[in-house]
Amino acid sequence: MTKMSTRNWAKRELDRASNNLDMTMNHLKNLHEKGYDSVPLIKETIKLSTQMIMEIQNLLEKTKDSI
């Protein structure tokens, strides 16, 4: 029974991590919508950060599925 409880806890924590990354993506989207991406460095940061967040979310999902 303890293992199942631990698995559920781990899956919940992975979901929370993914949700936090979703919030980060929303902040990046807000920067884009406000026009801050007209600054080249900010535009590149938004682009690269979005790509990395998507990769991390995929890894979190794969990890969650393997638990």
PDB file of N, CA and C in Angstrom:
ATOM      1  N   MET A   1       0.817  -1.196   0.000  1.00  0.00           N
ATOM      2  CA  MET A   1       0.000   0.000   0.000  1.00  0.00           C
ATOM      3  C   MET A   1       0.864   1.264   0.000  1.00  0.00           C
ATOM      4  N   THR A   2       1.987   1.208   0.671  1.00  0.00           N
ATOM      5  CA  THR A   2       2.862   2.366   0.735  1.00  0.00           C
ATOM      6  C   THR A   2       3.384   2.735  -0.649  1.00  0.00           C
ATOM      7  N   LYS A   3       3.734   1.735  -1.463  1.00  0.00           N
ATOM      8  CA  LYS A   3       4.247   2.020  -2.800  1.00  0.00           C
ATOM      9  C   LYS A   3       3.218   2.762  -3.641  1.00  0.00           C
ATOM     10  N   MET A   4       1.963   2.352  -3.580  1.00  0.00           N
ATOM     11  CA  MET A   4       0.923   3.019  -4.354  1.00  0.00           C
ATOM     12  C   MET A   4       0.768   4.465  -3.895  1.00  0.00           C
ATOM     13  N   SER A   5       0.811   4.678  -2.596  1.00  0.00           N
ATOM     14  CA  SER A   5       0.706   6.021  -2.057  1.00  0.00           C
ATOM     15  C   SER A   5       1.880   6.883  -2.540  1.00  0.00           C
ATOM     16  N   THR A   6       3.068   6.307  -2.542  1.00  0.00           N
ATOM     17  CA  THR A   6       4.250   7.024  -3.000  1.00  0.00           C
ATOM     18  C   THR A   6       4.152   7.337  -4.490  1.00  0.00           C
ATOM     19  N   ARG A   7       3.645   6.407  -5.266  1.00  0.00           N
ATOM     20  CA  ARG A   7       3.467   6.642  -6.707  1.00  0.00           C
ATOM     21  C   ARG A   7       2.494   7.785  -6.948  1.00  0.00           C
ATOM     22  N   ASN A   8       1.387   7.763  -6.235  1.00  0.00           N
ATOM     23  CA  ASN A   8       0.398   8.831  -6.408  1.00  0.00           C
ATOM     24  C   ASN A   8       0.981  10.182  -6.027  1.00  0.00           C
ATOM     25  N   TRP A   9       1.769  10.196  -4.955  1.00  0.00           N
ATOM     26  CA  TRP A   9       2.397  11.440  -4.536  1.00  0.00           C
ATOM     27  C   TRP A   9       3.348  11.938  -5.626  1.00  0.00           C
ATOM     28  N   ALA A  10       4.149  11.045  -6.167  1.00  0.00           N
ATOM     29  CA  ALA A  10       5.113  11.416  -7.208  1.00  0.00           C
ATOM     30  C   ALA A  10       4.398  11.940  -8.451  1.00  0.00           C
ATOM     31  N   LYS A  11       3.327  11.273  -8.849  1.00  0.00           N
ATOM     32  CA  LYS A  11       2.572  11.729 -10.023  1.00  0.00           C
ATOM     33  C   LYS A  11       1.971  13.104  -9.781  1.00  0.00           C
ATOM     34  N   ARG A  12       1.468  13.317  -8.566  1.00  0.00           N
ATOM     35  CA  ARG A  12       0.889  14.619  -8.235  1.00  0.00           C
ATOM     36  C   ARG A  12       1.954  15.710  -8.295  1.00  0.00           C
ATOM     37  N   GLU A  13       3.142  15.422  -7.781  1.00  0.00           N
ATOM     38  CA  GLU A  13       4.225  16.401  -7.812  1.00  0.00           C
ATOM     39  C   GLU A  13       4.664  16.704  -9.246  1.00  0.00           C
ATOM     40  N   LEU A  14       4.698  15.694 -10.093  1.00  0.00           N
ATOM     41  CA  LEU A  14       5.041  15.913 -11.503  1.00  0.00           C
ATOM     42  C   LEU A  14       3.973  16.755 -12.190  1.00  0.00           C
ATOM     43  N   ASP A  15       2.707  16.530 -11.848  1.00  0.00           N
ATOM     44  CA  ASP A  15       1.625  17.364 -12.385  1.00  0.00           C
ATOM     45  C   ASP A  15       1.792  18.816 -11.948  1.00  0.00           C
ATOM     46  N   ARG A  16       2.140  19.006 -10.688  1.00  0.00           N
ATOM     47  CA  ARG A  16       2.344  20.368 -10.179  1.00  0.00           C
ATOM     48  C   ARG A  16       3.499  21.059 -10.901  1.00  0.00           C
ATOM     49  N   ALA A  17       4.565  20.325 -11.127  1.00  0.00           N
ATOM     50  CA  ALA A  17       5.710  20.892 -11.845  1.00  0.00           C
ATOM     51  C   ALA A  17       5.303  21.311 -13.252  1.00  0.00           C
ATOM     52  N   SER A  18       4.520  20.469 -13.911  1.00  0.00           N
ATOM     53  CA  SER A  18       4.056  20.783 -15.259  1.00  0.00           C
ATOM     54  C   SER A  18       3.138  22.004 -15.245  1.00  0.00           C
ATOM     55  N   ASN A  19       2.268  22.090 -14.245  1.00  0.00           N
ATOM     56  CA  ASN A  19       1.370  23.242 -14.129  1.00  0.00           C
ATOM     57  C   ASN A  19       2.147  24.534 -13.901  1.00  0.00           C
ATOM     58  N   ASN A  20       3.208  24.469 -13.103  1.00  0.00           N
ATOM     59  CA  ASN A  20       4.039  25.654 -12.888  1.00  0.00           C
ATOM     60  C   ASN A  20       4.698  26.095 -14.189  1.00  0.00           C
ATOM     61  N   LEU A  21       5.101  25.140 -15.001  1.00  0.00           N
ATOM     62  CA  LEU A  21       5.679  25.483 -16.300  1.00  0.00           C
ATOM     63  C   LEU A  21       4.625  26.103 -17.214  1.00  0.00           C
ATOM     64  N   ASP A  22       3.376  25.641 -17.108  1.00  0.00           N
ATOM     65  CA  ASP A  22       2.286  26.257 -17.873  1.00  0.00           C
ATOM     66  C   ASP A  22       2.130  27.724 -17.492  1.00  0.00           C
ATOM     67  N   MET A  23       2.233  28.019 -16.201  1.00  0.00           N
ATOM     68  CA  MET A  23       2.126  29.412 -15.753  1.00  0.00           C
ATOM     69  C   MET A  23       3.277  30.241 -16.309  1.00  0.00           C
ATOM     70  N   THR A  24       4.462  29.660 -16.348  1.00  0.00           N
ATOM     71  CA  THR A  24       5.613  30.358 -16.922  1.00  0.00           C
ATOM     72  C   THR A  24       5.373  30.656 -18.397  1.00  0.00           C
ATOM     73  N   MET A  25       4.811  29.682 -19.108  1.00  0.00           N
ATOM     74  CA  MET A  25       4.490  29.885 -20.530  1.00  0.00           C
ATOM     75  C   MET A  25       3.497  31.039 -20.690  1.00  0.00           C
ATOM     76  N   ASN A  26       2.530  31.139 -19.785  1.00  0.00           N
ATOM     77  CA  ASN A  26       1.561  32.236 -19.852  1.00  0.00           C
ATOM     78  C   ASN A  26       2.243  33.585 -19.658  1.00  0.00           C
ATOM     79  N   HIS A  27       3.224  33.653 -18.765  1.00  0.00           N
ATOM     80  CA  HIS A  27       3.960  34.902 -18.567  1.00  0.00           C
ATOM     81  C   HIS A  27       4.739  35.275 -19.830  1.00  0.00           C
ATOM     82  N   LEU A  28       5.342  34.288 -20.455  1.00  0.00           N
ATOM     83  CA  LEU A  28       6.065  34.552 -21.704  1.00  0.00           C
ATOM     84  C   LEU A  28       5.105  35.013 -22.793  1.00  0.00           C
ATOM     85  N   LYS A  29       3.923  34.409 -22.839  1.00  0.00           N
ATOM     86  CA  LYS A  29       2.903  34.811 -23.812  1.00  0.00           C
ATOM     87  C   LYS A  29       2.484  36.258 -23.563  1.00  0.00           C
ATOM     88  N   ASN A  30       2.357  36.635 -22.289  1.00  0.00           N
ATOM     89  CA  ASN A  30       1.994  38.011 -21.954  1.00  0.00           C
ATOM     90  C   ASN A  30       3.055  38.995 -22.432  1.00  0.00           C
ATOM     91  N   LEU A  31       4.321  38.633 -22.278  1.00  0.00           N
ATOM     92  CA  LEU A  31       5.393  39.499 -22.781  1.00  0.00           C
ATOM     93  C   LEU A  31       5.263  39.691 -24.286  1.00  0.00           C
ATOM     94  N   HIS A  32       4.964  38.612 -24.983  1.00  0.00           N
ATOM     95  CA  HIS A  32       4.778  38.678 -26.434  1.00  0.00           C
ATOM     96  C   HIS A  32       3.590  39.572 -26.783  1.00  0.00           C
ATOM     97  N   GLU A  33       2.464  39.374 -26.098  1.00  0.00           N
ATOM     98  CA  GLU A  33       1.252  40.142 -26.400  1.00  0.00           C
ATOM     99  C   GLU A  33       1.418  41.626 -26.098  1.00  0.00           C
ATOM    100  N   LYS A  34       2.253  41.960 -25.115  1.00  0.00           N
ATOM    101  CA  LYS A  34       2.485  43.365 -24.761  1.00  0.00           C
ATOM    102  C   LYS A  34       3.508  44.024 -25.683  1.00  0.00           C
ATOM    103  N   GLY A  35       4.090  43.238 -26.583  1.00  0.00           N
ATOM    104  CA  GLY A  35       5.014  43.801 -27.554  1.00  0.00           C
ATOM    105  C   GLY A  35       6.464  43.845 -27.118  1.00  0.00           C
ATOM    106  N   TYR A  36       6.774  43.241 -25.990  1.00  0.00           N
ATOM    107  CA  TYR A  36       8.155  43.250 -25.522  1.00  0.00           C
ATOM    108  C   TYR A  36       9.075  42.422 -26.403  1.00  0.00           C
ATOM    109  N   ASP A  37       8.496  41.570 -27.244  1.00  0.00           N
ATOM    110  CA  ASP A  37       9.346  40.752 -28.108  1.00  0.00           C
ATOM    111  C   ASP A  37       9.904  41.545 -29.285  1.00  0.00           C
ATOM    112  N   SER A  38       9.629  42.844 -29.319  1.00  0.00           N
ATOM    113  CA  SER A  38      10.271  43.680 -30.333  1.00  0.00           C
ATOM    114  C   SER A  38      11.744  43.909 -29.981  1.00  0.00           C
ATOM    115  N   VAL A  39      12.100  43.674 -28.727  1.00  0.00           N
ATOM    116  CA  VAL A  39      13.498  43.736 -28.299  1.00  0.00           C
ATOM    117  C   VAL A  39      14.130  42.387 -28.644  1.00  0.00           C
ATOM    118  N   PRO A  40      15.170  42.371 -29.478  1.00  0.00           N
ATOM    119  CA  PRO A  40      15.735  41.104 -29.960  1.00  0.00           C
ATOM    120  C   PRO A  40      16.097  40.101 -28.861  1.00  0.00           C
ATOM    121  N   LEU A  41      16.712  40.560 -27.785  1.00  0.00           N
ATOM    122  CA  LEU A  41      17.110  39.640 -26.718  1.00  0.00           C
ATOM    123  C   LEU A  41      15.889  39.015 -26.045  1.00  0.00           C
ATOM    124  N   ILE A  42      14.853  39.808 -25.824  1.00  0.00           N
ATOM    125  CA  ILE A  42      13.632  39.284 -25.207  1.00  0.00           C
ATOM    126  C   ILE A  42      12.951  38.306 -26.151  1.00  0.00           C
ATOM    127  N   LYS A  43      12.929  38.637 -27.440  1.00  0.00           N
ATOM    128  CA  LYS A  43      12.321  37.739 -28.422  1.00  0.00           C
ATOM    129  C   LYS A  43      13.021  36.381 -28.425  1.00  0.00           C
ATOM    130  N   GLU A  44      14.342  36.402 -28.423  1.00  0.00           N
ATOM    131  CA  GLU A  44      15.117  35.154 -28.420  1.00  0.00           C
ATOM    132  C   GLU A  44      14.909  34.386 -27.114  1.00  0.00           C
ATOM    133  N   THR A  45      14.846  35.109 -26.007  1.00  0.00           N
ATOM    134  CA  THR A  45      14.613  34.476 -24.708  1.00  0.00           C
ATOM    135  C   THR A  45      13.254  33.798 -24.669  1.00  0.00           C
ATOM    136  N   ILE A  46      12.226  34.470 -25.175  1.00  0.00           N
ATOM    137  CA  ILE A  46      10.880  33.890 -25.217  1.00  0.00           C
ATOM    138  C   ILE A  46      10.885  32.627 -26.069  1.00  0.00           C
ATOM    139  N   LYS A  47      11.519  32.710 -27.233  1.00  0.00           N
ATOM    140  CA  LYS A  47      11.551  31.572 -28.153  1.00  0.00           C
ATOM    141  C   LYS A  47      12.252  30.366 -27.530  1.00  0.00           C
ATOM    142  N   LEU A  48      13.454  30.582 -27.021  1.00  0.00           N
ATOM    143  CA  LEU A  48      14.227  29.478 -26.444  1.00  0.00           C
ATOM    144  C   LEU A  48      13.586  28.933 -25.171  1.00  0.00           C
ATOM    145  N   SER A  49      13.076  29.820 -24.340  1.00  0.00           N
ATOM    146  CA  SER A  49      12.428  29.382 -23.100  1.00  0.00           C
ATOM    147  C   SER A  49      11.204  28.539 -23.393  1.00  0.00           C
ATOM    148  N   THR A  50      10.424  28.945 -24.369  1.00  0.00           N
ATOM    149  CA  THR A  50       9.226  28.195 -24.738  1.00  0.00           C
ATOM    150  C   THR A  50       9.600  26.801 -25.225  1.00  0.00           C
ATOM    151  N   GLN A  51      10.628  26.718 -26.057  1.00  0.00           N
ATOM    152  CA  GLN A  51      11.072  25.412 -26.553  1.00  0.00           C
ATOM    153  C   GLN A  51      11.550  24.513 -25.418  1.00  0.00           C
ATOM    154  N   MET A  52      12.330  25.079 -24.509  1.00  0.00           N
ATOM    155  CA  MET A  52      12.856  24.285 -23.397  1.00  0.00           C
ATOM    156  C   MET A  52      11.733  23.832 -22.467  1.00  0.00           C
ATOM    157  N   ILE A  53      10.782  24.709 -22.202  1.00  0.00           N
ATOM    158  CA  ILE A  53       9.661  24.352 -21.332  1.00  0.00           C
ATOM    159  C   ILE A  53       8.861  23.212 -21.941  1.00  0.00           C
ATOM    160  N   MET A  54       8.640  23.264 -23.240  1.00  0.00           N
ATOM    161  CA  MET A  54       7.887  22.197 -23.894  1.00  0.00           C
ATOM    162  C   MET A  54       8.640  20.867 -23.793  1.00  0.00           C
ATOM    163  N   GLU A  55       9.952  20.898 -23.947  1.00  0.00           N
ATOM    164  CA  GLU A  55      10.753  19.677 -23.816  1.00  0.00           C
ATOM    165  C   GLU A  55      10.687  19.130 -22.391  1.00  0.00           C
ATOM    166  N   ILE A  56      10.784  20.018 -21.417  1.00  0.00           N
ATOM    167  CA  ILE A  56      10.718  19.592 -20.020  1.00  0.00           C
ATOM    168  C   ILE A  56       9.354  18.995 -19.709  1.00  0.00           C
ATOM    169  N   GLN A  57       8.287  19.620 -20.218  1.00  0.00           N
ATOM    170  CA  GLN A  57       6.948  19.080 -19.980  1.00  0.00           C
ATOM    171  C   GLN A  57       6.797  17.688 -20.595  1.00  0.00           C
ATOM    172  N   ASN A  58       7.367  17.482 -21.771  1.00  0.00           N
ATOM    173  CA  ASN A  58       7.332  16.148 -22.381  1.00  0.00           C
ATOM    174  C   ASN A  58       8.069  15.130 -21.516  1.00  0.00           C
ATOM    175  N   LEU A  59       9.224  15.517 -20.990  1.00  0.00           N
ATOM    176  CA  LEU A  59       9.974  14.616 -20.116  1.00  0.00           C
ATOM    177  C   LEU A  59       9.212  14.325 -18.826  1.00  0.00           C
ATOM    178  N   LEU A  60       8.560  15.338 -18.276  1.00  0.00           N
ATOM    179  CA  LEU A  60       7.758  15.126 -17.070  1.00  0.00           C
ATOM    180  C   LEU A  60       6.625  14.143 -17.339  1.00  0.00           C
ATOM    181  N   GLU A  61       5.990  14.280 -18.494  1.00  0.00           N
ATOM    182  CA  GLU A  61       4.887  13.381 -18.849  1.00  0.00           C
ATOM    183  C   GLU A  61       5.388  11.948 -19.021  1.00  0.00           C
ATOM    184  N   LYS A  62       6.526  11.787 -19.687  1.00  0.00           N
ATOM    185  CA  LYS A  62       7.103  10.446 -19.854  1.00  0.00           C
ATOM    186  C   LYS A  62       7.466   9.838 -18.504  1.00  0.00           C
ATOM    187  N   THR A  63       8.024  10.663 -17.630  1.00  0.00           N
ATOM    188  CA  THR A  63       8.384  10.183 -16.297  1.00  0.00           C
ATOM    189  C   THR A  63       7.142   9.765 -15.527  1.00  0.00           C
ATOM    190  N   LYS A  64       6.108  10.590 -15.601  1.00  0.00           N
ATOM    191  CA  LYS A  64       4.855  10.275 -14.905  1.00  0.00           C
ATOM    192  C   LYS A  64       4.263   8.970 -15.422  1.00  0.00           C
ATOM    193  N   ASP A  65       4.324   8.766 -16.727  1.00  0.00           N
ATOM    194  CA  ASP A  65       3.789   7.539 -17.321  1.00  0.00           C
ATOM    195  C   ASP A  65       4.583   6.302 -16.903  1.00  0.00           C
ATOM    196  N   SER A  66       5.861   6.493 -16.601  1.00  0.00           N
ATOM    197  CA  SER A  66       6.693   5.346 -16.230  1.00  0.00           C
ATOM    198  C   SER A  66       6.552   4.959 -14.757  1.00  0.00           C
ATOM    199  N   ILE A  67       5.929   5.807 -13.982  1.00  0.00           N
ATOM    200  CA  ILE A  67       5.769   5.516 -12.541  1.00  0.00           C
ATOM    201  C   ILE A  67       4.624   4.548 -12.345  1.00  0.00           C
TER     202      ILE A  67
END
